[in-house]
Amino acid sequence: MAIGTIILPIGMAMLPDGTANNSPPKIQRVKGSVGSSPPYLLTAVFSHSSTQFMDWSLRLPSNYTPGSLIFRLQFYAFNSLPGSIAWMFNYAAVKPGTANSSITAMSMSATYSSNGVEISTATAGDLMEVDWTTVSSDTVSVPGAFLLIRLSRDGTNTVTDTSTADASVVSALLEYTPSS
């Protein structure tokens, strides 16, 4: 079965303005440690002590088949402390040319939560992955629709986010089933 992929680059995310309840992660260039010309990575560092988020906006491709979207996230923790990291994902969609096509009035979907990704077994810097499959029953997520994707970490939620380690997102993408 074919899979369509939409890469969500860290450097293309929209960061919130930093006002009350609108905290962004820190965008950071990380230098590798191997060789005389080590690789560099652009990461989004999410704090363990606050709620932070970042957004991506895009147009759903013409070959998108309405239904499920898979949001896939790769990250690493700065240290291997006990606990788990809780990531959250939600989205909003606007279908052009409809009665409810206001970009500024769209509302976010229900939150898809990772319920905490255990990191205590990982070594500091180990790559970890989490994904969510959305079951879209809305009539808006159609080919050509405008889509806003939000990734957040609720570092203040001590029930599901129990780690005191900051975490760096290195990769995010959407996968979907293309039409034939």
N, C-alpha and C. Protein backbone atom coordinates (compact mmCIF):
# COMPACT_ATOMS: atom_id res chain seq x y z
N MET A 1 0.84 -1.18 0.00
CA MET A 1 0.00 0.00 0.00
C MET A 1 0.89 1.24 0.00
N ALA A 2 0.59 2.18 -0.86
CA ALA A 2 1.36 3.42 -0.95
C ALA A 2 1.06 4.32 0.25
N ILE A 3 2.07 5.08 0.63
CA ILE A 3 1.92 6.02 1.74
C ILE A 3 2.38 7.38 1.25
N GLY A 4 1.59 8.42 1.51
CA GLY A 4 2.00 9.78 1.22
C GLY A 4 2.63 10.37 2.47
N THR A 5 3.66 11.18 2.30
CA THR A 5 4.36 11.78 3.43
C THR A 5 4.46 13.28 3.25
N ILE A 6 4.18 14.00 4.32
CA ILE A 6 4.35 15.45 4.36
C ILE A 6 5.34 15.73 5.48
N ILE A 7 6.52 16.20 5.12
CA ILE A 7 7.54 16.51 6.12
C ILE A 7 7.23 17.87 6.74
N LEU A 8 7.33 17.94 8.07
CA LEU A 8 7.08 19.17 8.80
C LEU A 8 8.41 19.66 9.39
N PRO A 9 9.16 20.47 8.64
CA PRO A 9 10.48 20.90 9.12
C PRO A 9 10.39 21.76 10.38
N ILE A 10 11.32 21.54 11.30
CA ILE A 10 11.37 22.32 12.54
C ILE A 10 11.47 23.82 12.21
N GLY A 11 12.31 24.16 11.25
CA GLY A 11 12.52 25.56 10.89
C GLY A 11 11.33 26.22 10.22
N MET A 12 10.33 25.46 9.84
CA MET A 12 9.14 26.02 9.20
C MET A 12 7.94 26.11 10.14
N ALA A 13 8.14 25.74 11.38
CA ALA A 13 7.04 25.82 12.35
C ALA A 13 6.80 27.27 12.76
N MET A 14 5.56 27.58 13.07
CA MET A 14 5.21 28.89 13.60
C MET A 14 5.23 28.78 15.12
N LEU A 15 5.97 29.68 15.75
CA LEU A 15 6.06 29.67 17.20
C LEU A 15 5.11 30.69 17.79
N PRO A 16 4.51 30.38 18.96
CA PRO A 16 3.61 31.35 19.59
C PRO A 16 4.38 32.58 20.08
N ASP A 17 3.62 33.62 20.43
CA ASP A 17 4.24 34.91 20.74
C ASP A 17 4.81 35.04 22.15
N GLY A 18 4.64 34.05 22.99
CA GLY A 18 5.23 34.09 24.32
C GLY A 18 4.37 34.79 25.37
N THR A 19 3.18 35.25 24.99
CA THR A 19 2.30 35.85 25.99
C THR A 19 1.71 34.74 26.85
N ALA A 20 0.89 35.10 27.82
CA ALA A 20 0.31 34.12 28.76
C ALA A 20 -0.27 32.92 28.04
N ASN A 21 0.10 31.73 28.45
CA ASN A 21 -0.36 30.46 27.90
C ASN A 21 0.05 30.25 26.44
N ASN A 22 1.02 30.97 25.96
CA ASN A 22 1.50 30.86 24.58
C ASN A 22 3.02 30.76 24.54
N SER A 23 3.56 29.74 25.17
CA SER A 23 5.01 29.61 25.27
C SER A 23 5.57 28.74 24.15
N PRO A 24 6.61 29.21 23.48
CA PRO A 24 7.23 28.41 22.42
C PRO A 24 8.37 27.56 22.96
N PRO A 25 8.70 26.47 22.26
CA PRO A 25 9.94 25.76 22.57
C PRO A 25 11.11 26.59 22.06
N LYS A 26 12.28 26.27 22.51
CA LYS A 26 13.49 26.96 22.05
C LYS A 26 14.00 26.25 20.79
N ILE A 27 14.19 27.01 19.71
CA ILE A 27 14.75 26.44 18.49
C ILE A 27 16.28 26.51 18.63
N GLN A 28 16.92 25.37 18.46
CA GLN A 28 18.35 25.29 18.76
C GLN A 28 19.08 24.48 17.71
N ARG A 29 20.25 24.97 17.32
CA ARG A 29 21.13 24.22 16.44
C ARG A 29 22.03 23.35 17.32
N VAL A 30 22.08 22.06 17.03
CA VAL A 30 22.87 21.12 17.81
C VAL A 30 24.00 20.58 16.94
N LYS A 31 25.20 20.62 17.46
CA LYS A 31 26.38 20.15 16.74
C LYS A 31 26.68 18.71 17.12
N GLY A 32 26.86 17.86 16.11
CA GLY A 32 27.24 16.47 16.35
C GLY A 32 28.64 16.40 16.96
N SER A 33 29.01 15.23 17.42
CA SER A 33 30.29 15.10 18.12
C SER A 33 31.29 14.21 17.40
N VAL A 34 30.99 13.80 16.16
CA VAL A 34 31.87 12.87 15.47
C VAL A 34 32.51 13.54 14.26
N GLY A 35 33.82 13.41 14.14
CA GLY A 35 34.54 13.88 12.96
C GLY A 35 34.94 15.33 13.02
N SER A 36 35.75 15.73 12.03
CA SER A 36 36.23 17.11 11.99
C SER A 36 35.17 18.06 11.41
N SER A 37 34.23 17.53 10.67
CA SER A 37 33.10 18.32 10.16
C SER A 37 31.81 17.64 10.59
N PRO A 38 31.45 17.74 11.88
CA PRO A 38 30.27 17.02 12.37
C PRO A 38 28.98 17.59 11.80
N PRO A 39 27.94 16.78 11.77
CA PRO A 39 26.64 17.27 11.29
C PRO A 39 26.00 18.21 12.30
N TYR A 40 25.13 19.04 11.80
CA TYR A 40 24.33 19.94 12.65
C TYR A 40 22.87 19.58 12.49
N LEU A 41 22.11 19.69 13.56
CA LEU A 41 20.68 19.42 13.56
C LEU A 41 19.95 20.66 14.06
N LEU A 42 18.78 20.92 13.50
CA LEU A 42 17.91 21.97 14.02
C LEU A 42 16.86 21.27 14.87
N THR A 43 16.76 21.64 16.13
CA THR A 43 15.84 20.98 17.05
C THR A 43 14.93 21.99 17.72
N ALA A 44 13.82 21.50 18.23
CA ALA A 44 12.91 22.30 19.06
C ALA A 44 12.99 21.72 20.47
N VAL A 45 13.50 22.50 21.41
CA VAL A 45 13.71 22.03 22.78
C VAL A 45 12.49 22.40 23.63
N PHE A 46 11.81 21.37 24.11
CA PHE A 46 10.63 21.56 24.96
C PHE A 46 11.04 21.38 26.42
N SER A 47 10.70 22.34 27.23
CA SER A 47 11.05 22.34 28.64
C SER A 47 10.23 21.33 29.43
N HIS A 48 10.80 20.84 30.50
CA HIS A 48 10.09 19.92 31.38
C HIS A 48 9.21 20.67 32.38
N SER A 49 9.32 21.99 32.43
CA SER A 49 8.64 22.72 33.51
C SER A 49 7.55 23.67 33.04
N SER A 50 7.19 23.63 31.75
CA SER A 50 6.11 24.51 31.28
C SER A 50 5.39 23.86 30.10
N THR A 51 4.25 24.42 29.75
CA THR A 51 3.51 23.96 28.58
C THR A 51 3.96 24.79 27.40
N GLN A 52 4.43 24.12 26.35
CA GLN A 52 4.94 24.81 25.17
C GLN A 52 4.35 24.16 23.92
N PHE A 53 4.22 24.95 22.84
CA PHE A 53 3.71 24.38 21.60
C PHE A 53 4.28 25.07 20.38
N MET A 54 4.14 24.40 19.24
CA MET A 54 4.51 24.95 17.95
C MET A 54 3.50 24.46 16.91
N ASP A 55 3.28 25.27 15.87
CA ASP A 55 2.29 24.96 14.85
C ASP A 55 2.92 24.89 13.47
N TRP A 56 2.33 24.07 12.62
CA TRP A 56 2.66 24.05 11.20
C TRP A 56 1.36 24.26 10.44
N SER A 57 1.42 24.93 9.31
CA SER A 57 0.23 25.07 8.47
C SER A 57 0.57 24.59 7.06
N LEU A 58 -0.42 23.98 6.41
CA LEU A 58 -0.20 23.42 5.08
C LEU A 58 -1.53 23.20 4.37
N ARG A 59 -1.43 22.93 3.10
CA ARG A 59 -2.59 22.55 2.30
C ARG A 59 -2.54 21.05 2.13
N LEU A 60 -3.66 20.37 2.40
CA LEU A 60 -3.69 18.92 2.17
C LEU A 60 -3.53 18.65 0.68
N PRO A 61 -2.69 17.67 0.32
CA PRO A 61 -2.41 17.40 -1.09
C PRO A 61 -3.66 16.97 -1.87
N SER A 62 -3.59 17.17 -3.16
CA SER A 62 -4.70 16.79 -4.05
C SER A 62 -4.97 15.30 -4.03
N ASN A 63 -3.95 14.49 -3.71
CA ASN A 63 -4.14 13.04 -3.69
C ASN A 63 -4.43 12.50 -2.28
N TYR A 64 -4.76 13.39 -1.34
CA TYR A 64 -5.11 12.96 0.02
C TYR A 64 -6.48 12.28 0.00
N THR A 65 -6.56 11.11 0.64
CA THR A 65 -7.83 10.41 0.80
C THR A 65 -8.37 10.72 2.19
N PRO A 66 -9.55 11.34 2.28
CA PRO A 66 -10.09 11.67 3.60
C PRO A 66 -10.16 10.44 4.50
N GLY A 67 -9.87 10.66 5.75
CA GLY A 67 -9.86 9.57 6.72
C GLY A 67 -8.74 9.76 7.71
N SER A 68 -7.88 8.80 7.81
CA SER A 68 -6.84 8.83 8.84
C SER A 68 -5.61 9.61 8.40
N LEU A 69 -5.06 10.33 9.37
CA LEU A 69 -3.75 10.95 9.25
C LEU A 69 -2.90 10.36 10.36
N ILE A 70 -1.64 10.12 10.07
CA ILE A 70 -0.71 9.67 11.12
C ILE A 70 0.30 10.79 11.32
N PHE A 71 0.39 11.26 12.56
CA PHE A 71 1.38 12.26 12.91
C PHE A 71 2.51 11.52 13.61
N ARG A 72 3.73 11.63 13.09
CA ARG A 72 4.88 10.90 13.62
C ARG A 72 5.91 11.90 14.12
N LEU A 73 6.44 11.63 15.30
CA LEU A 73 7.37 12.54 15.97
C LEU A 73 8.60 11.77 16.42
N GLN A 74 9.78 12.34 16.16
CA GLN A 74 11.03 11.77 16.67
C GLN A 74 11.68 12.80 17.59
N PHE A 75 12.18 12.33 18.72
CA PHE A 75 12.76 13.24 19.71
C PHE A 75 13.81 12.51 20.53
N TYR A 76 14.55 13.27 21.32
CA TYR A 76 15.47 12.68 22.29
C TYR A 76 15.44 13.51 23.55
N ALA A 77 15.77 12.87 24.67
CA ALA A 77 15.84 13.57 25.96
C ALA A 77 17.29 13.92 26.24
N PHE A 78 17.49 15.01 26.96
CA PHE A 78 18.85 15.46 27.28
C PHE A 78 19.56 14.57 28.27
N ASN A 79 18.80 13.90 29.11
CA ASN A 79 19.41 12.98 30.06
C ASN A 79 18.43 11.85 30.34
N SER A 80 18.93 10.75 30.84
CA SER A 80 18.08 9.58 31.08
C SER A 80 17.63 9.57 32.53
N LEU A 81 16.67 10.41 32.80
CA LEU A 81 16.09 10.49 34.13
C LEU A 81 14.84 9.62 34.18
N PRO A 82 14.45 9.18 35.35
CA PRO A 82 13.22 8.38 35.44
C PRO A 82 12.01 9.20 34.98
N GLY A 83 11.04 8.52 34.46
CA GLY A 83 9.79 9.18 34.12
C GLY A 83 9.43 9.08 32.66
N SER A 84 8.43 9.86 32.30
CA SER A 84 7.92 9.84 30.93
C SER A 84 7.67 11.26 30.45
N ILE A 85 7.62 11.41 29.13
CA ILE A 85 7.35 12.70 28.51
C ILE A 85 6.01 12.59 27.79
N ALA A 86 5.12 13.53 28.06
CA ALA A 86 3.78 13.52 27.44
C ALA A 86 3.73 14.52 26.30
N TRP A 87 3.58 14.01 25.09
CA TRP A 87 3.41 14.85 23.91
C TRP A 87 1.93 14.90 23.57
N MET A 88 1.50 16.00 23.00
CA MET A 88 0.11 16.15 22.57
C MET A 88 0.08 16.70 21.15
N PHE A 89 -0.91 16.29 20.40
CA PHE A 89 -1.07 16.69 19.02
C PHE A 89 -2.54 17.02 18.79
N ASN A 90 -2.81 18.13 18.10
CA ASN A 90 -4.15 18.37 17.60
C ASN A 90 -4.06 19.15 16.29
N TYR A 91 -5.20 19.28 15.65
CA TYR A 91 -5.21 19.93 14.34
C TYR A 91 -6.53 20.67 14.14
N ALA A 92 -6.52 21.55 13.17
CA ALA A 92 -7.74 22.24 12.73
C ALA A 92 -7.70 22.27 11.21
N ALA A 93 -8.86 22.17 10.59
CA ALA A 93 -8.92 22.19 9.13
C ALA A 93 -10.02 23.14 8.67
N VAL A 94 -9.77 23.78 7.54
CA VAL A 94 -10.75 24.67 6.93
C VAL A 94 -10.85 24.30 5.46
N LYS A 95 -12.06 24.05 5.03
CA LYS A 95 -12.31 23.70 3.62
C LYS A 95 -12.64 24.99 2.87
N PRO A 96 -11.89 25.28 1.81
CA PRO A 96 -12.15 26.52 1.08
C PRO A 96 -13.54 26.52 0.42
N GLY A 97 -14.11 27.71 0.35
CA GLY A 97 -15.37 27.87 -0.36
C GLY A 97 -16.59 27.36 0.36
N THR A 98 -16.50 27.17 1.68
CA THR A 98 -17.67 26.71 2.44
C THR A 98 -18.10 27.80 3.41
N ALA A 99 -19.26 27.61 4.01
CA ALA A 99 -19.79 28.62 4.93
C ALA A 99 -18.87 28.83 6.14
N ASN A 100 -18.17 27.79 6.56
CA ASN A 100 -17.30 27.90 7.72
C ASN A 100 -15.83 27.86 7.30
N SER A 101 -15.45 28.77 6.41
CA SER A 101 -14.08 28.73 5.89
C SER A 101 -13.20 29.83 6.46
N SER A 102 -13.53 30.34 7.65
CA SER A 102 -12.73 31.39 8.26
C SER A 102 -11.47 30.80 8.90
N ILE A 103 -10.32 31.26 8.46
CA ILE A 103 -9.04 30.80 9.02
C ILE A 103 -8.93 31.22 10.49
N THR A 104 -9.33 32.44 10.80
CA THR A 104 -9.15 32.96 12.16
C THR A 104 -10.17 32.40 13.15
N ALA A 105 -11.24 31.80 12.67
CA ALA A 105 -12.27 31.27 13.57
C ALA A 105 -12.24 29.75 13.70
N MET A 106 -11.24 29.09 13.11
CA MET A 106 -11.21 27.62 13.20
C MET A 106 -10.84 27.18 14.60
N SER A 107 -11.32 26.00 14.99
CA SER A 107 -11.03 25.50 16.33
C SER A 107 -10.25 24.19 16.23
N MET A 108 -9.43 23.95 17.25
CA MET A 108 -8.58 22.76 17.26
C MET A 108 -9.42 21.53 17.57
N SER A 109 -8.97 20.38 17.03
CA SER A 109 -9.61 19.09 17.29
C SER A 109 -9.38 18.67 18.72
N ALA A 110 -9.97 17.57 19.09
CA ALA A 110 -9.66 16.97 20.38
C ALA A 110 -8.17 16.68 20.42
N THR A 111 -7.62 16.65 21.62
CA THR A 111 -6.18 16.41 21.76
C THR A 111 -5.89 14.93 21.71
N TYR A 112 -4.91 14.57 20.91
CA TYR A 112 -4.39 13.21 20.87
C TYR A 112 -3.15 13.23 21.75
N SER A 113 -3.14 12.43 22.79
CA SER A 113 -2.03 12.46 23.74
C SER A 113 -1.24 11.16 23.70
N SER A 114 0.06 11.27 23.93
CA SER A 114 0.90 10.08 23.96
C SER A 114 0.80 9.37 25.30
N ASN A 115 0.14 9.99 26.28
CA ASN A 115 0.00 9.42 27.63
C ASN A 115 1.34 9.10 28.27
N GLY A 116 2.36 9.78 27.85
CA GLY A 116 3.68 9.62 28.45
C GLY A 116 4.51 8.57 27.75
N VAL A 117 5.64 8.98 27.18
CA VAL A 117 6.58 8.07 26.55
C VAL A 117 7.69 7.82 27.57
N GLU A 118 7.83 6.58 28.01
CA GLU A 118 8.82 6.24 29.03
C GLU A 118 10.22 6.47 28.48
N ILE A 119 11.02 7.25 29.21
CA ILE A 119 12.37 7.54 28.73
C ILE A 119 13.46 7.00 29.65
N SER A 120 13.09 6.41 30.78
CA SER A 120 14.10 5.99 31.75
C SER A 120 15.00 4.87 31.24
N THR A 121 14.55 4.13 30.22
CA THR A 121 15.38 3.05 29.67
C THR A 121 16.30 3.55 28.57
N ALA A 122 16.14 4.79 28.16
CA ALA A 122 16.96 5.34 27.07
C ALA A 122 18.20 6.02 27.64
N THR A 123 19.26 6.00 26.85
CA THR A 123 20.46 6.75 27.18
C THR A 123 20.26 8.17 26.68
N ALA A 124 20.84 9.14 27.36
CA ALA A 124 20.72 10.53 26.92
C ALA A 124 21.09 10.64 25.44
N GLY A 125 20.24 11.26 24.67
CA GLY A 125 20.48 11.43 23.24
C GLY A 125 19.93 10.33 22.36
N ASP A 126 19.39 9.25 22.93
CA ASP A 126 18.80 8.17 22.12
C ASP A 126 17.54 8.67 21.42
N LEU A 127 17.43 8.33 20.14
CA LEU A 127 16.26 8.73 19.37
C LEU A 127 15.05 7.89 19.77
N MET A 128 13.93 8.55 20.02
CA MET A 128 12.68 7.88 20.36
C MET A 128 11.61 8.36 19.38
N GLU A 129 10.56 7.56 19.22
CA GLU A 129 9.51 7.91 18.27
C GLU A 129 8.15 7.63 18.88
N VAL A 130 7.21 8.49 18.57
CA VAL A 130 5.82 8.29 18.97
C VAL A 130 4.95 8.73 17.80
N ASP A 131 3.80 8.08 17.64
CA ASP A 131 2.88 8.53 16.59
C ASP A 131 1.44 8.42 17.05
N TRP A 132 0.60 9.16 16.36
CA TRP A 132 -0.83 9.18 16.62
C TRP A 132 -1.55 8.96 15.30
N THR A 133 -2.60 8.17 15.34
CA THR A 133 -3.46 8.02 14.17
C THR A 133 -4.76 8.74 14.48
N THR A 134 -5.10 9.72 13.67
CA THR A 134 -6.35 10.44 13.86
C THR A 134 -7.40 9.77 13.02
N VAL A 135 -8.57 9.67 13.54
CA VAL A 135 -9.69 9.14 12.77
C VAL A 135 -10.58 10.33 12.50
N SER A 136 -10.45 10.87 11.31
CA SER A 136 -11.15 12.10 10.97
C SER A 136 -12.53 11.78 10.43
N SER A 137 -13.53 12.18 11.19
CA SER A 137 -14.91 12.00 10.71
C SER A 137 -15.47 13.34 10.23
N ASP A 138 -14.61 14.38 10.26
CA ASP A 138 -15.12 15.68 9.82
C ASP A 138 -15.22 15.71 8.29
N THR A 139 -15.93 16.69 7.79
CA THR A 139 -16.10 16.82 6.35
C THR A 139 -15.17 17.90 5.81
N VAL A 140 -14.26 18.38 6.66
CA VAL A 140 -13.39 19.48 6.29
C VAL A 140 -12.02 18.99 5.81
N SER A 141 -11.52 17.89 6.41
CA SER A 141 -10.19 17.38 6.04
C SER A 141 -10.28 16.65 4.71
N VAL A 142 -10.29 17.43 3.66
CA VAL A 142 -10.43 16.92 2.30
C VAL A 142 -9.27 17.44 1.47
N PRO A 143 -9.02 16.86 0.30
CA PRO A 143 -7.96 17.40 -0.55
C PRO A 143 -8.14 18.90 -0.76
N GLY A 144 -7.06 19.64 -0.61
CA GLY A 144 -7.11 21.09 -0.79
C GLY A 144 -7.47 21.87 0.45
N ALA A 145 -7.84 21.20 1.53
CA ALA A 145 -8.19 21.91 2.76
C ALA A 145 -6.93 22.50 3.41
N PHE A 146 -7.09 23.60 4.10
CA PHE A 146 -6.02 24.20 4.89
C PHE A 146 -5.97 23.46 6.22
N LEU A 147 -4.78 23.04 6.64
CA LEU A 147 -4.62 22.26 7.87
C LEU A 147 -3.61 22.94 8.77
N LEU A 148 -3.97 23.09 10.02
CA LEU A 148 -3.06 23.60 11.05
C LEU A 148 -2.77 22.45 12.01
N ILE A 149 -1.48 22.15 12.20
CA ILE A 149 -1.03 21.06 13.07
C ILE A 149 -0.39 21.67 14.30
N ARG A 150 -0.72 21.20 15.49
CA ARG A 150 -0.10 21.70 16.72
C ARG A 150 0.53 20.54 17.49
N LEU A 151 1.79 20.76 17.89
CA LEU A 151 2.52 19.83 18.75
C LEU A 151 2.79 20.56 20.05
N SER A 152 2.52 19.89 21.17
CA SER A 152 2.79 20.51 22.46
C SER A 152 3.28 19.49 23.47
N ARG A 153 3.96 20.01 24.46
CA ARG A 153 4.36 19.21 25.62
C ARG A 153 3.83 19.92 26.85
N ASP A 154 3.12 19.17 27.68
CA ASP A 154 2.57 19.74 28.90
C ASP A 154 3.47 19.36 30.06
N GLY A 155 4.57 20.08 30.20
CA GLY A 155 5.52 19.80 31.26
C GLY A 155 4.98 20.03 32.65
N THR A 156 3.85 20.75 32.75
CA THR A 156 3.26 21.00 34.06
C THR A 156 2.30 19.89 34.50
N ASN A 157 2.02 18.92 33.60
CA ASN A 157 1.10 17.82 33.92
C ASN A 157 1.92 16.71 34.59
N THR A 158 1.92 16.69 35.90
CA THR A 158 2.76 15.73 36.64
C THR A 158 2.16 14.33 36.68
N VAL A 159 0.99 14.13 36.07
CA VAL A 159 0.40 12.80 36.02
C VAL A 159 0.98 12.01 34.85
N THR A 160 1.02 12.62 33.66
CA THR A 160 1.52 11.90 32.49
C THR A 160 2.92 12.34 32.06
N ASP A 161 3.33 13.55 32.42
CA ASP A 161 4.68 14.03 32.09
C ASP A 161 5.47 14.10 33.40
N THR A 162 6.15 13.01 33.70
CA THR A 162 6.81 12.89 35.01
C THR A 162 8.32 13.07 34.94
N SER A 163 8.86 13.34 33.77
CA SER A 163 10.31 13.48 33.62
C SER A 163 10.73 14.93 33.87
N THR A 164 11.88 15.10 34.48
CA THR A 164 12.45 16.44 34.65
C THR A 164 13.48 16.72 33.55
N ALA A 165 13.47 15.91 32.50
CA ALA A 165 14.39 16.11 31.38
C ALA A 165 13.72 16.97 30.30
N ASP A 166 14.47 17.93 29.76
CA ASP A 166 14.00 18.63 28.58
C ASP A 166 14.10 17.66 27.41
N ALA A 167 13.31 17.90 26.37
CA ALA A 167 13.30 17.00 25.21
C ALA A 167 13.40 17.80 23.93
N SER A 168 14.18 17.29 22.98
CA SER A 168 14.38 17.96 21.69
C SER A 168 13.69 17.18 20.58
N VAL A 169 12.81 17.86 19.86
CA VAL A 169 12.18 17.28 18.68
C VAL A 169 13.13 17.48 17.50
N VAL A 170 13.40 16.39 16.78
CA VAL A 170 14.30 16.47 15.62
C VAL A 170 13.57 16.24 14.31
N SER A 171 12.37 15.63 14.35
CA SER A 171 11.67 15.32 13.11
C SER A 171 10.17 15.19 13.39
N ALA A 172 9.37 15.73 12.48
CA ALA A 172 7.92 15.57 12.56
C ALA A 172 7.39 15.42 11.14
N LEU A 173 6.39 14.57 10.98
CA LEU A 173 5.80 14.39 9.66
C LEU A 173 4.38 13.87 9.77
N LEU A 174 3.66 14.00 8.67
CA LEU A 174 2.32 13.43 8.51
C LEU A 174 2.39 12.34 7.46
N GLU A 175 1.67 11.24 7.68
CA GLU A 175 1.53 10.21 6.68
C GLU A 175 0.03 10.04 6.40
N TYR A 176 -0.28 9.72 5.16
CA TYR A 176 -1.67 9.54 4.76
C TYR A 176 -1.74 8.53 3.63
N THR A 177 -2.94 8.06 3.36
CA THR A 177 -3.15 7.15 2.23
C THR A 177 -3.53 7.96 1.02
N PRO A 178 -2.70 7.93 -0.03
CA PRO A 178 -3.04 8.70 -1.22
C PRO A 178 -4.13 8.02 -2.05
N SER A 179 -4.87 8.83 -2.78
CA SER A 179 -5.86 8.24 -3.69
C SER A 179 -5.13 7.61 -4.87
N SER A 180 -5.76 6.66 -5.49
CA SER A 180 -5.09 5.95 -6.60
C SER A 180 -5.22 6.68 -7.91
